[in-house]
Amino acid sequence: MNQETAIEMLRSLITVSLTVMTPVILAALVVGVAVSLLQAITSIQEPTLSFAPKLIAIGAVIIVGAPWMLRQLMQFTIFFLNKIPEMTR
């Protein structure tokens, strides 16, 4: 395997990883900020209060986005498996 192939595969891996996990992280961020804002407005300072809404939002994003995420991961896997013969040269 030459250096260009390794760099291309690593770049693809990072790109796919960031692409797949971005919606989940954004959902947790938005819900976390909303709950923190609600806690600041109502003066409820319970640290465990933000856990359940984040968990529900992340679960919903994963359920709704699962087909797209799976398709992205399958495309990367096919790309990776097609590169295996080039690695042995």
C-alpha atoms as a PDB file:
ATOM      1  CA  MET A   1       0.000   0.000   0.000  1.00  0.00           C
ATOM      2  CA  ASN A   2       1.406   3.344  -0.956  1.00  0.00           C
ATOM      3  CA  GLN A   3       1.129   6.528   1.030  1.00  0.00           C
ATOM      4  CA  GLU A   4      -1.481   8.140  -1.248  1.00  0.00           C
ATOM      5  CA  THR A   5      -3.875   5.214  -0.831  1.00  0.00           C
ATOM      6  CA  ALA A   6      -3.498   5.264   2.955  1.00  0.00           C
ATOM      7  CA  ILE A   7      -4.108   9.015   3.109  1.00  0.00           C
ATOM      8  CA  GLU A   8      -7.150   8.731   0.828  1.00  0.00           C
ATOM      9  CA  MET A   9      -8.634   5.972   2.988  1.00  0.00           C
ATOM     10  CA  LEU A  10      -7.965   7.884   6.209  1.00  0.00           C
ATOM     11  CA  ARG A  11      -9.500  11.046   4.751  1.00  0.00           C
ATOM     12  CA  SER A  12     -12.582   9.083   3.672  1.00  0.00           C
ATOM     13  CA  LEU A  13     -12.864   7.487   7.104  1.00  0.00           C
ATOM     14  CA  ILE A  14     -12.735  10.844   8.889  1.00  0.00           C
ATOM     15  CA  THR A  15     -15.194  12.427   6.451  1.00  0.00           C
ATOM     16  CA  VAL A  16     -17.728   9.618   6.770  1.00  0.00           C
ATOM     17  CA  SER A  17     -17.369   9.534  10.564  1.00  0.00           C
ATOM     18  CA  LEU A  18     -17.962  13.267  10.890  1.00  0.00           C
ATOM     19  CA  THR A  19     -20.835  13.177   8.416  1.00  0.00           C
ATOM     20  CA  VAL A  20     -22.615  10.337  10.215  1.00  0.00           C
ATOM     21  CA  MET A  21     -22.201  11.650  13.747  1.00  0.00           C
ATOM     22  CA  THR A  22     -22.913  15.339  13.074  1.00  0.00           C
ATOM     23  CA  PRO A  23     -26.747  15.096  13.218  1.00  0.00           C
ATOM     24  CA  VAL A  24     -26.594  13.242  16.536  1.00  0.00           C
ATOM     25  CA  ILE A  25     -24.198  15.757  18.079  1.00  0.00           C
ATOM     26  CA  LEU A  26     -26.210  18.709  16.770  1.00  0.00           C
ATOM     27  CA  ALA A  27     -29.419  17.270  18.243  1.00  0.00           C
ATOM     28  CA  ALA A  28     -27.747  16.834  21.638  1.00  0.00           C
ATOM     29  CA  LEU A  29     -26.315  20.350  21.441  1.00  0.00           C
ATOM     30  CA  VAL A  30     -29.614  22.009  20.529  1.00  0.00           C
ATOM     31  CA  VAL A  31     -31.572  20.126  23.186  1.00  0.00           C
ATOM     32  CA  GLY A  32     -28.872  20.769  25.780  1.00  0.00           C
ATOM     33  CA  VAL A  33     -28.890  24.514  25.108  1.00  0.00           C
ATOM     34  CA  ALA A  34     -32.693  24.630  25.145  1.00  0.00           C
ATOM     35  CA  VAL A  35     -32.904  22.760  28.453  1.00  0.00           C
ATOM     36  CA  SER A  36     -30.143  24.907  29.969  1.00  0.00           C
ATOM     37  CA  LEU A  37     -31.968  28.031  28.886  1.00  0.00           C
ATOM     38  CA  LEU A  38     -35.201  26.700  30.377  1.00  0.00           C
ATOM     39  CA  GLN A  39     -33.395  25.867  33.612  1.00  0.00           C
ATOM     40  CA  ALA A  40     -31.884  29.349  33.780  1.00  0.00           C
ATOM     41  CA  ILE A  41     -35.252  31.001  33.177  1.00  0.00           C
ATOM     42  CA  THR A  42     -37.092  28.917  35.774  1.00  0.00           C
ATOM     43  CA  SER A  43     -34.181  28.743  38.274  1.00  0.00           C
ATOM     44  CA  ILE A  44     -34.395  24.953  38.374  1.00  0.00           C
ATOM     45  CA  GLN A  45     -30.827  23.767  38.851  1.00  0.00           C
ATOM     46  CA  GLU A  46     -31.225  20.026  38.589  1.00  0.00           C
ATOM     47  CA  PRO A  47     -28.270  18.501  36.671  1.00  0.00           C
ATOM     48  CA  THR A  48     -30.124  15.307  35.790  1.00  0.00           C
ATOM     49  CA  LEU A  49     -32.998  17.194  34.134  1.00  0.00           C
ATOM     50  CA  SER A  50     -31.192  17.586  30.813  1.00  0.00           C
ATOM     51  CA  PHE A  51     -30.405  13.877  30.492  1.00  0.00           C
ATOM     52  CA  ALA A  52     -33.849  12.578  29.482  1.00  0.00           C
ATOM     53  CA  PRO A  53     -34.582  15.172  26.748  1.00  0.00           C
ATOM     54  CA  LYS A  54     -31.109  14.652  25.251  1.00  0.00           C
ATOM     55  CA  LEU A  55     -31.581  10.896  25.307  1.00  0.00           C
ATOM     56  CA  ILE A  56     -34.972  11.182  23.599  1.00  0.00           C
ATOM     57  CA  ALA A  57     -33.649  13.604  20.962  1.00  0.00           C
ATOM     58  CA  ILE A  58     -30.609  11.466  20.193  1.00  0.00           C
ATOM     59  CA  GLY A  59     -32.784   8.353  19.957  1.00  0.00           C
ATOM     60  CA  ALA A  60     -35.189  10.110  17.594  1.00  0.00           C
ATOM     61  CA  VAL A  61     -32.375  11.344  15.366  1.00  0.00           C
ATOM     62  CA  ILE A  62     -30.850   7.874  15.213  1.00  0.00           C
ATOM     63  CA  ILE A  63     -34.192   6.249  14.407  1.00  0.00           C
ATOM     64  CA  VAL A  64     -35.071   8.801  11.726  1.00  0.00           C
ATOM     65  CA  GLY A  65     -31.558   8.982  10.274  1.00  0.00           C
ATOM     66  CA  ALA A  66     -30.657   5.299  10.498  1.00  0.00           C
ATOM     67  CA  PRO A  67     -31.299   4.500   6.807  1.00  0.00           C
ATOM     68  CA  TRP A  68     -29.141   7.413   5.673  1.00  0.00           C
ATOM     69  CA  MET A  69     -26.401   6.626   8.206  1.00  0.00           C
ATOM     70  CA  LEU A  70     -26.401   2.972   7.220  1.00  0.00           C
ATOM     71  CA  ARG A  71     -26.202   3.892   3.534  1.00  0.00           C
ATOM     72  CA  GLN A  72     -23.191   6.151   4.203  1.00  0.00           C
ATOM     73  CA  LEU A  73     -21.430   3.450   6.196  1.00  0.00           C
ATOM     74  CA  MET A  74     -22.165   0.821   3.556  1.00  0.00           C
ATOM     75  CA  GLN A  75     -20.757   3.042   0.808  1.00  0.00           C
ATOM     76  CA  PHE A  76     -17.581   3.547   2.826  1.00  0.00           C
ATOM     77  CA  THR A  77     -17.304  -0.188   3.499  1.00  0.00           C
ATOM     78  CA  ILE A  78     -17.660  -0.971  -0.200  1.00  0.00           C
ATOM     79  CA  PHE A  79     -15.037   1.686  -1.000  1.00  0.00           C
ATOM     80  CA  PHE A  80     -12.707   0.197   1.608  1.00  0.00           C
ATOM     81  CA  LEU A  81     -13.209  -3.387   0.423  1.00  0.00           C
ATOM     82  CA  ASN A  82     -12.544  -2.332  -3.175  1.00  0.00           C
ATOM     83  CA  LYS A  83      -9.220  -0.819  -2.054  1.00  0.00           C
ATOM     84  CA  ILE A  84      -7.976  -4.065  -0.462  1.00  0.00           C
ATOM     85  CA  PRO A  85      -6.404  -5.405  -3.683  1.00  0.00           C
ATOM     86  CA  GLU A  86      -4.443  -2.175  -4.009  1.00  0.00           C
ATOM     87  CA  MET A  87      -3.086  -2.601  -0.488  1.00  0.00           C
ATOM     88  CA  THR A  88      -1.346  -5.859  -1.311  1.00  0.00           C
ATOM     89  CA  ARG A  89       0.700  -4.378  -4.146  1.00  0.00           C
END
